[in-house]
């Protein structure tokens, strides 16, 4: 292959991961977070005067301001008061968005005072604490989240596993491996490992790839690609035996009927050092031979279980 063609493939691979495996772009309303604390009144007005959708957007905008710019303590106190009216109902989109805003503040008093809720008999309260710690990416909560995931009701276990993945890092990988060894939901652990932003997640994901039924392999491949993209890693030593087993498990999917899955398999195989056939790459990306440089994947198939805030907000 020419260097120009290889460069094109790399660009397409990055676009594939960015568009299909990463959170959706924020709405036009949420992009007002770029104005920092000046956008706080806009977020508050949406919460005070809007419908449920607008209130949800308002909380998310406030969370974006806290996370990426600065925390206003007046706005945080206002948010705490608003959340008290949401805290006893169902886990609606609006409530989850408010938790995102609270977690994004990273305010220690809010986080510490919610630790006891993890052990609550109230499933919604325990779930809320999990989401709060996950959105805050609060590493000190990893031990408590893992302990809860091992003994709690299924809904809380799933939320705790998600939170551990969202916190991320090498330590989170260790906690997820522990949960995997204790027999917790493999599907949720795979998704969480994919979010960990740690190259150490590749070994357990590779092991899982070799053990699960074939129908679950695309999810594992996508999680591995998420790790590769988030860590910008170009060299992972899986060991010769494990690498060969992963290649054997993934190669059939390079011919998958869904272009997205096929391209994901080819991307992973290429990362593992396998020789990739140009025709397979072109087919998976919807290439037309006479118009190579206007190529894109045209598949409508998507992996909707990749965890993003947007599909967390649709969860009941």
Protein backbone atom coordinates (compact mmCIF):
# COMPACT_ATOMS: atom_id res chain seq x y z
CA UNK A 1 0.00 0.00 0.00
CA UNK A 2 1.15 3.55 -0.66
CA UNK A 3 1.83 5.91 2.24
CA UNK A 4 -0.97 8.17 0.98
CA UNK A 5 -3.44 5.30 1.09
CA UNK A 6 -2.32 4.25 4.57
CA UNK A 7 -2.75 7.84 5.74
CA UNK A 8 -6.28 7.88 4.33
CA UNK A 9 -7.12 4.64 6.14
CA UNK A 10 -5.79 6.06 9.41
CA UNK A 11 -7.89 9.21 8.99
CA UNK A 12 -10.99 7.16 8.24
CA UNK A 13 -10.30 4.94 11.26
CA UNK A 14 -10.05 7.94 13.55
CA UNK A 15 -13.28 9.36 12.12
CA UNK A 16 -14.99 6.00 12.60
CA UNK A 17 -14.01 5.87 16.27
CA UNK A 18 -14.78 9.53 16.87
CA UNK A 19 -18.24 9.41 15.28
CA UNK A 20 -19.38 5.93 16.29
CA UNK A 21 -17.66 5.21 19.59
CA UNK A 22 -17.53 8.64 21.22
CA UNK A 23 -20.28 10.68 22.89
CA UNK A 24 -22.46 12.70 20.57
CA UNK A 25 -21.63 16.34 20.01
CA UNK A 26 -23.42 18.60 22.46
CA UNK A 27 -26.54 20.37 21.24
CA UNK A 28 -26.39 23.95 20.04
CA UNK A 29 -27.86 25.00 23.39
CA UNK A 30 -25.15 23.19 25.38
CA UNK A 31 -22.43 24.73 23.23
CA UNK A 32 -23.15 27.96 25.08
CA UNK A 33 -20.91 26.48 27.79
CA UNK A 34 -18.02 28.00 25.84
CA UNK A 35 -19.05 31.32 27.40
CA UNK A 36 -18.22 29.93 30.84
CA UNK A 37 -19.95 31.39 33.89
CA UNK A 38 -21.61 34.02 31.68
CA UNK A 39 -23.92 31.23 30.43
CA UNK A 40 -25.11 30.26 33.93
CA UNK A 41 -28.23 32.51 33.80
CA UNK A 42 -29.18 30.86 30.50
CA UNK A 43 -28.95 27.40 32.10
CA UNK A 44 -30.93 28.52 35.15
CA UNK A 45 -33.65 30.08 33.02
CA UNK A 46 -34.05 26.84 31.08
CA UNK A 47 -34.48 24.92 34.35
CA UNK A 48 -36.84 27.48 35.87
CA UNK A 49 -39.09 28.11 32.88
CA UNK A 50 -38.64 25.25 30.41
CA UNK A 51 -40.36 21.93 29.77
CA UNK A 52 -38.73 18.66 30.84
CA UNK A 53 -36.47 18.52 27.78
CA UNK A 54 -35.36 22.13 28.25
CA UNK A 55 -34.76 21.60 31.96
CA UNK A 56 -32.61 18.58 31.14
CA UNK A 57 -30.60 20.66 28.68
CA UNK A 58 -30.26 23.41 31.29
CA UNK A 59 -28.79 21.03 33.86
CA UNK A 60 -26.39 19.60 31.30
CA UNK A 61 -25.29 23.08 30.26
CA UNK A 62 -24.63 23.94 33.89
CA UNK A 63 -22.64 20.72 34.28
CA UNK A 64 -20.55 21.56 31.21
CA UNK A 65 -19.79 25.00 32.65
CA UNK A 66 -18.73 23.48 35.97
CA UNK A 67 -16.65 20.76 34.32
CA UNK A 68 -14.85 22.76 31.66
CA UNK A 69 -14.72 26.28 33.06
CA UNK A 70 -15.42 27.19 36.67
CA UNK A 71 -17.78 26.44 39.54
CA UNK A 72 -19.94 29.27 40.81
CA UNK A 73 -20.89 28.54 44.42
CA UNK A 74 -24.06 30.58 44.10
CA UNK A 75 -25.06 28.47 41.11
CA UNK A 76 -24.05 25.30 42.95
CA UNK A 77 -26.22 26.18 45.95
CA UNK A 78 -29.10 26.89 43.57
CA UNK A 79 -28.52 23.50 41.92
CA UNK A 80 -28.54 21.67 45.27
CA UNK A 81 -31.91 23.20 46.10
CA UNK A 82 -33.32 22.22 42.72
CA UNK A 83 -32.05 18.66 43.03
CA UNK A 84 -33.85 18.17 46.33
CA UNK A 85 -37.12 18.34 44.41
CA UNK A 86 -35.93 15.58 42.04
CA UNK A 87 -34.24 13.27 44.52
CA UNK A 88 -37.24 11.15 45.51
CA UNK A 89 -38.72 10.29 42.13
CA UNK A 90 -37.85 8.01 39.25
CA UNK A 91 -34.48 8.17 37.50
CA UNK A 92 -35.69 10.50 34.76
CA UNK A 93 -33.57 12.23 32.15
CA UNK A 94 -33.92 15.44 34.12
CA UNK A 95 -32.74 13.89 37.37
CA UNK A 96 -29.76 12.24 35.71
CA UNK A 97 -28.79 15.53 34.07
CA UNK A 98 -28.95 17.25 37.46
CA UNK A 99 -26.63 14.56 38.85
CA UNK A 100 -24.28 15.23 35.97
CA UNK A 101 -24.19 18.90 36.97
CA UNK A 102 -23.64 18.08 40.64
CA UNK A 103 -20.89 15.60 39.83
CA UNK A 104 -19.24 18.01 37.42
CA UNK A 105 -18.83 20.50 40.24
CA UNK A 106 -16.47 18.06 41.99
CA UNK A 107 -17.37 19.73 45.28
CA UNK A 108 -15.98 17.48 48.08
CA UNK A 109 -18.77 18.08 50.60
CA UNK A 110 -21.43 16.96 48.11
CA UNK A 111 -19.49 13.82 47.23
CA UNK A 112 -18.58 12.81 50.80
CA UNK A 113 -22.10 13.30 52.16
CA UNK A 114 -23.49 10.96 49.47
CA UNK A 115 -21.20 8.00 50.28
CA UNK A 116 -23.68 6.47 52.80
CA UNK A 117 -26.35 6.41 50.07
CA UNK A 118 -24.43 3.67 48.28
CA UNK A 119 -25.54 1.23 50.96
CA UNK A 120 -29.11 2.50 51.02
CA UNK A 121 -31.98 0.05 50.74
CA UNK A 122 -33.55 2.60 48.40
CA UNK A 123 -32.42 1.49 44.94
CA UNK A 124 -32.91 4.93 43.38
CA UNK A 125 -30.86 6.61 46.11
CA UNK A 126 -28.02 4.12 45.69
CA UNK A 127 -28.18 4.50 41.90
CA UNK A 128 -28.03 8.27 42.25
CA UNK A 129 -24.87 8.04 44.36
CA UNK A 130 -23.27 5.78 41.73
CA UNK A 131 -24.04 8.22 38.93
CA UNK A 132 -22.88 11.17 41.03
CA UNK A 133 -19.48 9.58 41.71
CA UNK A 134 -19.15 8.45 38.10
CA UNK A 135 -19.89 11.89 36.69
CA UNK A 136 -17.51 13.42 39.24
CA UNK A 137 -14.84 10.86 38.25
CA UNK A 138 -14.12 10.60 41.95
CA UNK A 139 -11.34 8.04 42.41
CA UNK A 140 -11.75 7.74 46.23
CA UNK A 141 -15.16 6.13 45.66
CA UNK A 142 -13.77 3.12 43.73
CA UNK A 143 -13.55 0.79 46.74
CA UNK A 144 -17.09 1.62 47.84
CA UNK A 145 -18.49 1.29 44.33
CA UNK A 146 -16.86 -2.11 43.91
CA UNK A 147 -18.17 -3.32 47.25
CA UNK A 148 -21.67 -2.19 46.32
CA UNK A 149 -21.48 -3.79 42.88
CA UNK A 150 -20.72 -7.14 44.51
CA UNK A 151 -23.76 -7.21 46.79
CA UNK A 152 -26.39 -4.75 45.54
CA UNK A 153 -29.55 -5.15 43.48
CA UNK A 154 -28.92 -5.58 39.74
CA UNK A 155 -29.88 -1.98 38.86
CA UNK A 156 -27.39 -0.63 41.40
CA UNK A 157 -24.70 -3.09 40.29
CA UNK A 158 -25.01 -1.92 36.68
CA UNK A 159 -24.82 1.73 37.75
CA UNK A 160 -21.79 1.06 39.97
CA UNK A 161 -19.94 -0.72 37.16
CA UNK A 162 -20.70 2.18 34.80
CA UNK A 163 -19.39 4.63 37.42
CA UNK A 164 -16.13 2.70 37.87
CA UNK A 165 -15.57 2.79 34.10
CA UNK A 166 -16.37 6.48 33.90
CA UNK A 167 -13.92 7.26 36.72
CA UNK A 168 -11.31 5.38 34.70
CA UNK A 169 -7.59 4.92 35.10
CA UNK A 170 -5.43 1.92 35.96
CA UNK A 171 -7.04 1.49 39.38
CA UNK A 172 -10.51 1.31 37.85
CA UNK A 173 -9.33 -1.48 35.56
CA UNK A 174 -8.21 -3.49 38.59
CA UNK A 175 -11.61 -3.05 40.22
CA UNK A 176 -13.43 -4.13 37.06
CA UNK A 177 -11.25 -7.23 36.74
CA UNK A 178 -12.14 -8.09 40.32
CA UNK A 179 -15.84 -7.77 39.50
CA UNK A 180 -15.41 -9.86 36.38
CA UNK A 181 -13.79 -12.61 38.45
CA UNK A 182 -16.71 -12.50 40.88
CA UNK A 183 -19.13 -13.25 38.04
CA UNK A 184 -20.77 -9.86 37.47
CA UNK A 185 -22.38 -8.86 34.18
CA UNK A 186 -19.74 -9.33 31.49
CA UNK A 187 -21.52 -7.02 29.07
CA UNK A 188 -21.47 -4.10 31.52
CA UNK A 189 -17.86 -4.79 32.49
CA UNK A 190 -16.79 -4.76 28.82
CA UNK A 191 -18.43 -1.38 28.28
CA UNK A 192 -16.84 -0.02 31.45
CA UNK A 193 -13.37 -1.28 30.50
CA UNK A 194 -13.75 0.49 27.17
CA UNK A 195 -14.25 3.78 28.99
CA UNK A 196 -11.33 3.44 31.40
CA UNK A 197 -8.80 5.44 29.39
CA UNK A 198 -6.12 2.97 30.46
CA UNK A 199 -4.05 0.73 28.22
CA UNK A 200 -4.15 -1.85 31.01
CA UNK A 201 -7.74 -2.54 29.99
CA UNK A 202 -6.53 -4.23 26.80
CA UNK A 203 -5.39 -7.44 28.51
CA UNK A 204 -8.72 -8.23 30.26
CA UNK A 205 -10.64 -7.20 27.15
CA UNK A 206 -8.48 -9.49 25.02
CA UNK A 207 -9.08 -12.36 27.43
CA UNK A 208 -12.83 -11.73 27.37
CA UNK A 209 -12.76 -11.59 23.55
CA UNK A 210 -11.42 -15.14 23.51
CA UNK A 211 -14.01 -16.46 25.96
CA UNK A 212 -17.39 -14.96 25.02
CA UNK A 213 -19.89 -16.20 22.48
CA UNK A 214 -19.32 -14.84 18.99
CA UNK A 215 -22.39 -12.59 19.18
CA UNK A 216 -20.68 -10.55 21.92
CA UNK A 217 -17.32 -10.16 20.17
CA UNK A 218 -18.27 -6.93 18.29
CA UNK A 219 -18.96 -5.22 21.62
CA UNK A 220 -15.55 -6.32 22.91
CA UNK A 221 -13.83 -5.15 19.73
CA UNK A 222 -15.48 -1.75 20.02
CA UNK A 223 -14.39 -1.48 23.65
CA UNK A 224 -10.81 -2.30 22.65
CA UNK A 225 -10.93 0.37 19.94
CA UNK A 226 -12.20 2.88 22.51
CA UNK A 227 -9.18 2.11 24.69
CA UNK A 228 -6.81 2.48 21.74
CA UNK A 229 -8.33 5.82 20.75
CA UNK A 230 -8.56 7.29 24.25
CA UNK A 231 -5.00 6.33 25.19
CA UNK A 232 -3.51 7.09 21.74
CA UNK A 233 -1.50 3.92 22.17
CA UNK A 234 0.36 2.31 19.30
CA UNK A 235 1.94 -0.64 21.07
CA UNK A 236 0.28 -3.19 23.32
CA UNK A 237 1.98 -6.43 24.30
CA UNK A 238 -0.74 -9.05 24.61
CA UNK A 239 1.75 -11.91 24.39
CA UNK A 240 1.98 -14.13 21.33
CA UNK A 241 -0.60 -16.70 22.47
CA UNK A 242 -3.29 -14.20 23.55
CA UNK A 243 -2.73 -12.05 20.47
CA UNK A 244 -3.16 -15.07 18.18
CA UNK A 245 -6.40 -16.04 19.95
CA UNK A 246 -7.80 -12.50 19.64
CA UNK A 247 -6.94 -12.43 15.94
CA UNK A 248 -8.65 -15.78 15.44
CA UNK A 249 -11.77 -14.55 17.27
CA UNK A 250 -11.99 -11.22 15.42
CA UNK A 251 -11.00 -12.13 11.89
CA UNK A 252 -14.41 -13.58 10.86
CA UNK A 253 -15.97 -10.19 11.63
CA UNK A 254 -13.79 -8.49 9.01
CA UNK A 255 -16.33 -9.86 6.51
CA UNK A 256 -19.40 -8.90 8.57
CA UNK A 257 -22.48 -7.71 6.69
CA UNK A 258 -22.50 -4.53 8.77
CA UNK A 259 -19.82 -2.18 7.45
CA UNK A 260 -19.25 -0.69 10.88
CA UNK A 261 -18.52 -4.04 12.50
CA UNK A 262 -16.31 -5.12 9.59
CA UNK A 263 -14.30 -1.91 9.70
CA UNK A 264 -13.96 -2.19 13.48
CA UNK A 265 -12.57 -5.70 13.11
CA UNK A 266 -10.15 -4.62 10.39
CA UNK A 267 -9.00 -1.65 12.47
CA UNK A 268 -8.33 -3.86 15.47
CA UNK A 269 -6.58 -6.51 13.39
CA UNK A 270 -4.38 -3.84 11.85
CA UNK A 271 -3.52 -2.49 15.28
CA UNK A 272 -2.49 -6.01 16.31
CA UNK A 273 -0.09 -6.14 13.38
CA UNK A 274 -2.13 -8.29 10.99
CA UNK A 275 -1.86 -7.81 7.26
CA UNK A 276 -5.07 -6.22 6.01
CA UNK A 277 -6.36 -6.71 2.49
CA UNK A 278 -7.06 -3.43 0.71
CA UNK A 279 -10.25 -4.78 -0.88
CA UNK A 280 -11.65 -5.73 2.54
CA UNK A 281 -10.99 -2.22 3.86
CA UNK A 282 -12.62 -0.62 0.84
CA UNK A 283 -15.66 -2.86 1.12
CA UNK A 284 -16.10 -2.22 4.85
CA UNK A 285 -15.92 1.55 4.35
CA UNK A 286 -18.19 1.70 1.32
CA UNK A 287 -15.36 2.72 -0.98
CA UNK A 288 -16.04 3.17 -4.65
CA UNK A 289 -12.87 2.27 -6.60
CA UNK A 290 -13.18 5.26 -8.95
CA UNK A 291 -13.70 7.72 -6.12
CA UNK A 292 -11.36 6.49 -3.40
CA UNK A 293 -10.86 9.81 -1.67
CA UNK A 294 -14.57 10.48 -1.18
CA UNK A 295 -15.02 7.43 1.02
CA UNK A 296 -17.10 6.90 4.09
CA UNK A 297 -18.92 4.11 5.86
CA UNK A 298 -22.50 4.09 4.67
CA UNK A 299 -23.88 1.53 7.08
CA UNK A 300 -26.90 2.51 9.15
CA UNK A 301 -25.98 -0.16 11.69
CA UNK A 302 -24.64 1.19 14.97
CA UNK A 303 -23.58 -0.15 18.30
CA UNK A 304 -26.09 1.61 20.53
CA UNK A 305 -24.70 0.10 23.69
CA UNK A 306 -21.50 2.12 23.70
CA UNK A 307 -21.97 4.19 26.87
CA UNK A 308 -22.55 7.90 26.35
CA UNK A 309 -24.31 10.49 28.43
CA UNK A 310 -26.99 10.74 25.77
CA UNK A 311 -28.06 7.10 26.05
CA UNK A 312 -27.64 7.12 29.81
CA UNK A 313 -30.24 9.86 29.81
CA UNK A 314 -32.74 7.57 28.06
CA UNK A 315 -32.41 4.91 30.72
CA UNK A 316 -35.33 4.30 33.09
